N, C-alpha and C. Protein backbone atom coordinates (compact mmCIF):
# COMPACT_ATOMS: atom_id res chain seq x y z
N MET A 1 125.49 -53.75 66.92
CA MET A 1 124.51 -53.97 67.93
C MET A 1 124.56 -52.87 68.98
N PHE A 2 125.77 -52.51 69.45
CA PHE A 2 125.90 -51.44 70.44
C PHE A 2 125.52 -50.09 69.85
N LYS A 3 125.82 -49.90 68.56
CA LYS A 3 125.49 -48.63 67.93
C LYS A 3 123.99 -48.41 67.90
N LYS A 4 123.25 -49.45 67.66
CA LYS A 4 121.81 -49.33 67.61
C LYS A 4 121.25 -48.96 68.98
N LYS A 5 121.75 -49.58 70.04
CA LYS A 5 121.29 -49.26 71.39
C LYS A 5 121.69 -47.84 71.78
N ASP A 6 122.91 -47.41 71.37
CA ASP A 6 123.35 -46.04 71.67
C ASP A 6 122.45 -45.02 70.98
N LYS A 7 122.07 -45.28 69.73
CA LYS A 7 121.19 -44.37 69.00
C LYS A 7 119.82 -44.29 69.67
N GLU A 8 119.32 -45.48 70.09
CA GLU A 8 118.02 -45.49 70.77
C GLU A 8 118.08 -44.72 72.08
N ARG A 9 119.18 -44.91 72.80
CA ARG A 9 119.36 -44.21 74.07
C ARG A 9 119.42 -42.70 73.84
N GLU A 10 120.16 -42.27 72.81
CA GLU A 10 120.26 -40.84 72.50
C GLU A 10 118.90 -40.27 72.12
N GLN A 11 118.12 -41.05 71.35
CA GLN A 11 116.81 -40.57 70.95
C GLN A 11 115.87 -40.43 72.16
N THR A 12 115.92 -41.38 73.07
CA THR A 12 115.06 -41.27 74.26
C THR A 12 115.50 -40.11 75.14
N GLU A 13 116.83 -39.91 75.25
CA GLU A 13 117.32 -38.78 76.04
C GLU A 13 116.90 -37.46 75.41
N ALA A 14 116.98 -37.35 74.09
CA ALA A 14 116.56 -36.14 73.40
C ALA A 14 115.07 -35.90 73.61
N HIS A 15 114.30 -36.97 73.53
CA HIS A 15 112.85 -36.84 73.75
C HIS A 15 112.55 -36.40 75.18
N GLU A 16 113.27 -36.95 76.16
CA GLU A 16 113.09 -36.55 77.55
C GLU A 16 113.48 -35.09 77.75
N ASN A 17 114.56 -34.65 77.10
CA ASN A 17 114.98 -33.25 77.21
C ASN A 17 113.92 -32.32 76.64
N GLU A 18 113.28 -32.74 75.53
CA GLU A 18 112.22 -31.92 74.96
C GLU A 18 111.04 -31.81 75.92
N GLU A 19 110.70 -32.94 76.56
CA GLU A 19 109.61 -32.92 77.53
C GLU A 19 109.93 -32.01 78.72
N GLN A 20 111.19 -32.06 79.16
CA GLN A 20 111.59 -31.20 80.27
C GLN A 20 111.54 -29.74 79.87
N ALA A 21 111.91 -29.45 78.62
CA ALA A 21 111.89 -28.06 78.16
C ALA A 21 110.46 -27.53 78.15
N THR A 22 109.52 -28.34 77.69
CA THR A 22 108.14 -27.85 77.67
C THR A 22 107.62 -27.72 79.10
N SER A 23 107.94 -28.65 79.96
CA SER A 23 107.46 -28.53 81.33
C SER A 23 108.15 -27.36 82.03
N ARG A 24 109.40 -27.09 81.68
CA ARG A 24 110.12 -25.94 82.25
C ARG A 24 109.46 -24.65 81.80
N GLU A 25 109.07 -24.60 80.52
CA GLU A 25 108.38 -23.41 80.02
C GLU A 25 107.04 -23.23 80.72
N GLU A 26 106.35 -24.34 80.93
CA GLU A 26 105.07 -24.26 81.63
C GLU A 26 105.26 -23.77 83.06
N ARG A 27 106.33 -24.24 83.71
CA ARG A 27 106.61 -23.77 85.07
C ARG A 27 106.91 -22.28 85.08
N ARG A 28 107.64 -21.81 84.09
CA ARG A 28 107.94 -20.37 84.01
C ARG A 28 106.66 -19.56 83.83
N LYS A 29 105.79 -20.04 82.96
CA LYS A 29 104.52 -19.32 82.74
C LYS A 29 103.68 -19.32 84.00
N ALA A 30 103.64 -20.45 84.69
CA ALA A 30 102.86 -20.53 85.92
C ALA A 30 103.44 -19.61 86.98
N LYS A 31 104.77 -19.54 87.05
CA LYS A 31 105.42 -18.66 88.02
C LYS A 31 105.12 -17.20 87.69
N LYS A 32 105.13 -16.86 86.42
CA LYS A 32 104.82 -15.49 86.00
C LYS A 32 103.38 -15.13 86.36
N ASN A 33 102.47 -16.07 86.16
CA ASN A 33 101.07 -15.83 86.51
C ASN A 33 100.91 -15.63 88.02
N ARG A 34 101.64 -16.43 88.81
CA ARG A 34 101.57 -16.27 90.27
C ARG A 34 102.10 -14.92 90.70
N LYS A 35 103.17 -14.45 90.04
CA LYS A 35 103.73 -13.14 90.38
C LYS A 35 102.72 -12.03 90.07
N GLN A 36 102.03 -12.15 88.95
CA GLN A 36 101.04 -11.14 88.60
C GLN A 36 99.90 -11.12 89.59
N GLU A 37 99.52 -12.29 90.10
CA GLU A 37 98.45 -12.35 91.09
C GLU A 37 98.89 -11.75 92.41
N LYS A 38 100.15 -11.84 92.75
CA LYS A 38 100.65 -11.33 94.02
C LYS A 38 100.70 -9.80 94.04
N HIS A 39 100.73 -9.15 92.91
CA HIS A 39 100.89 -7.70 92.86
C HIS A 39 99.55 -6.97 92.98
N ARG A 40 98.69 -7.47 93.80
CA ARG A 40 97.43 -6.79 94.06
C ARG A 40 97.66 -5.73 95.11
N PHE A 41 96.75 -4.76 95.15
CA PHE A 41 96.86 -3.71 96.15
C PHE A 41 96.45 -4.25 97.50
N ARG A 42 97.17 -3.82 98.52
CA ARG A 42 96.91 -4.30 99.87
C ARG A 42 95.94 -3.35 100.56
N VAL A 43 94.94 -3.89 101.16
CA VAL A 43 93.98 -3.09 101.91
C VAL A 43 94.45 -3.06 103.36
N ARG A 44 94.72 -1.87 103.86
CA ARG A 44 95.23 -1.74 105.22
C ARG A 44 94.06 -1.65 106.19
N LEU A 45 94.22 -2.32 107.34
CA LEU A 45 93.18 -2.27 108.36
C LEU A 45 93.15 -0.90 109.02
N ILE A 46 94.34 -0.35 109.29
CA ILE A 46 94.45 0.98 109.89
C ILE A 46 95.24 1.85 108.92
N PRO A 47 94.63 2.93 108.40
CA PRO A 47 95.35 3.78 107.45
C PRO A 47 96.60 4.42 108.08
N ILE A 48 97.52 4.81 107.23
CA ILE A 48 98.79 5.35 107.70
C ILE A 48 98.58 6.64 108.50
N TRP A 49 97.70 7.51 108.05
CA TRP A 49 97.48 8.78 108.77
C TRP A 49 96.94 8.52 110.17
N LEU A 50 96.11 7.49 110.31
CA LEU A 50 95.58 7.16 111.63
C LEU A 50 96.67 6.54 112.51
N ARG A 51 97.57 5.78 111.89
CA ARG A 51 98.70 5.22 112.64
C ARG A 51 99.58 6.32 113.20
N LEU A 52 99.84 7.35 112.40
CA LEU A 52 100.67 8.47 112.86
C LEU A 52 100.02 9.18 114.05
N ILE A 53 98.72 9.41 113.95
CA ILE A 53 98.02 10.07 115.05
C ILE A 53 98.06 9.21 116.30
N LEU A 54 97.87 7.89 116.14
CA LEU A 54 97.93 6.98 117.29
C LEU A 54 99.32 6.97 117.92
N VAL A 55 100.35 7.02 117.12
CA VAL A 55 101.72 7.04 117.65
C VAL A 55 101.96 8.32 118.45
N ILE A 56 101.51 9.44 117.92
CA ILE A 56 101.68 10.72 118.62
C ILE A 56 100.92 10.72 119.94
N ILE A 57 99.69 10.21 119.93
CA ILE A 57 98.90 10.15 121.16
C ILE A 57 99.54 9.23 122.19
N LEU A 58 100.02 8.07 121.74
CA LEU A 58 100.66 7.13 122.66
C LEU A 58 101.98 7.69 123.22
N MET A 59 102.72 8.45 122.42
CA MET A 59 103.95 9.07 122.91
C MET A 59 103.63 10.12 123.97
N ALA A 60 102.59 10.92 123.74
CA ALA A 60 102.22 11.93 124.73
C ALA A 60 101.74 11.27 126.03
N ALA A 61 100.98 10.20 125.89
CA ALA A 61 100.49 9.50 127.09
C ALA A 61 101.64 8.87 127.87
N SER A 62 102.62 8.31 127.16
CA SER A 62 103.75 7.72 127.87
C SER A 62 104.63 8.79 128.51
N LEU A 63 104.73 9.96 127.90
CA LEU A 63 105.47 11.06 128.51
C LEU A 63 104.80 11.52 129.80
N ALA A 64 103.47 11.66 129.74
CA ALA A 64 102.73 12.08 130.94
C ALA A 64 102.82 11.01 132.04
N ALA A 65 102.68 9.74 131.65
CA ALA A 65 102.76 8.67 132.65
C ALA A 65 104.15 8.59 133.25
N GLY A 66 105.18 8.78 132.45
CA GLY A 66 106.55 8.76 132.96
C GLY A 66 106.82 9.90 133.91
N ALA A 67 106.30 11.09 133.58
CA ALA A 67 106.48 12.24 134.47
C ALA A 67 105.73 12.03 135.78
N MET A 68 104.55 11.44 135.72
CA MET A 68 103.79 11.18 136.94
C MET A 68 104.49 10.15 137.82
N VAL A 69 105.03 9.11 137.20
CA VAL A 69 105.75 8.09 137.98
C VAL A 69 107.01 8.69 138.57
N GLY A 70 107.73 9.47 137.79
CA GLY A 70 108.96 10.07 138.28
C GLY A 70 108.73 11.05 139.41
N TYR A 71 107.72 11.89 139.27
CA TYR A 71 107.45 12.89 140.29
C TYR A 71 106.74 12.30 141.50
N GLY A 72 105.85 11.34 141.25
CA GLY A 72 105.05 10.77 142.34
C GLY A 72 105.78 9.70 143.14
N LEU A 73 106.37 8.74 142.47
CA LEU A 73 107.00 7.63 143.19
C LEU A 73 108.44 7.94 143.57
N VAL A 74 109.21 8.44 142.62
CA VAL A 74 110.62 8.71 142.89
C VAL A 74 110.78 9.98 143.72
N GLY A 75 110.01 11.03 143.38
CA GLY A 75 110.14 12.31 144.07
C GLY A 75 109.27 12.44 145.29
N LYS A 76 108.47 11.48 145.61
CA LYS A 76 107.60 11.46 146.79
C LYS A 76 106.61 12.63 146.82
N GLY A 77 106.16 13.04 145.64
CA GLY A 77 105.17 14.12 145.58
C GLY A 77 103.84 13.59 145.06
N ASP A 78 102.91 14.50 144.89
CA ASP A 78 101.61 14.12 144.35
C ASP A 78 101.77 13.97 142.83
N PRO A 79 101.43 12.82 142.25
CA PRO A 79 101.63 12.62 140.82
C PRO A 79 100.87 13.62 139.94
N TYR A 80 99.74 14.13 140.44
CA TYR A 80 98.95 15.06 139.62
C TYR A 80 99.51 16.48 139.64
N ASP A 81 100.50 16.72 140.49
CA ASP A 81 101.16 18.03 140.47
C ASP A 81 101.99 18.23 139.21
N VAL A 82 102.24 17.18 138.48
CA VAL A 82 103.00 17.27 137.23
C VAL A 82 102.28 18.16 136.23
N PHE A 83 100.96 18.20 136.30
CA PHE A 83 100.18 18.94 135.33
C PHE A 83 99.97 20.41 135.72
N GLN A 84 100.58 20.86 136.80
CA GLN A 84 100.46 22.26 137.21
C GLN A 84 101.68 23.04 136.71
N LYS A 85 101.43 24.29 136.31
CA LYS A 85 102.49 25.13 135.78
C LYS A 85 103.52 25.48 136.86
N GLU A 86 103.08 25.67 138.09
CA GLU A 86 103.99 26.05 139.18
C GLU A 86 105.09 25.00 139.40
N THR A 87 104.76 23.74 139.20
CA THR A 87 105.75 22.67 139.36
C THR A 87 106.87 22.83 138.35
N TRP A 88 106.52 23.10 137.13
CA TRP A 88 107.53 23.21 136.07
C TRP A 88 108.34 24.49 136.18
N THR A 89 107.71 25.58 136.63
CA THR A 89 108.49 26.79 136.85
C THR A 89 109.48 26.60 138.00
N HIS A 90 109.07 25.86 139.04
CA HIS A 90 109.98 25.57 140.16
C HIS A 90 111.16 24.71 139.68
N ILE A 91 110.87 23.69 138.86
CA ILE A 91 111.95 22.84 138.33
C ILE A 91 112.89 23.66 137.46
N TYR A 92 112.34 24.56 136.65
CA TYR A 92 113.17 25.42 135.79
C TYR A 92 114.06 26.33 136.65
N ASP A 93 113.49 26.89 137.69
CA ASP A 93 114.27 27.78 138.58
C ASP A 93 115.40 27.02 139.28
N VAL A 94 115.13 25.80 139.70
CA VAL A 94 116.16 24.98 140.37
C VAL A 94 117.29 24.67 139.40
N ILE A 95 116.96 24.35 138.17
CA ILE A 95 117.99 23.99 137.18
C ILE A 95 118.85 25.21 136.81
N HIS A 96 118.24 26.36 136.59
CA HIS A 96 118.94 27.53 136.10
C HIS A 96 119.35 28.51 137.20
N LYS A 97 119.30 28.12 138.46
CA LYS A 97 119.62 29.03 139.57
C LYS A 97 121.09 29.41 139.55
N GLY A 98 122.00 28.49 139.32
CA GLY A 98 123.42 28.79 139.38
C GLY A 98 124.01 29.35 138.10
N THR A 99 123.23 29.44 137.03
CA THR A 99 123.77 29.92 135.75
C THR A 99 123.64 31.41 135.55
N GLU A 100 123.00 32.11 136.43
CA GLU A 100 122.77 33.55 136.25
C GLU A 100 123.97 34.37 136.61
């Protein structure tokens, strides 16, 4: 009597394992299909070359703004004097005066 129930139990377990194997295979196939769909080309809103130009422009603007703040607020001068050549030659002369 127990042997018959054990055989039935083994058969149902084997059948369940087969069902899991097919569903596992189906999951693998579905996962593979999802991966293939994900490998599409990405359309960029801003191209890389334009990003580089924007970074360079923003760096130059921040350099100019920093020099204006440093010379105007900290140095108590006119902030627009930063853009004159005489200001930079004077700064160069002050720095290199004692090295000659």
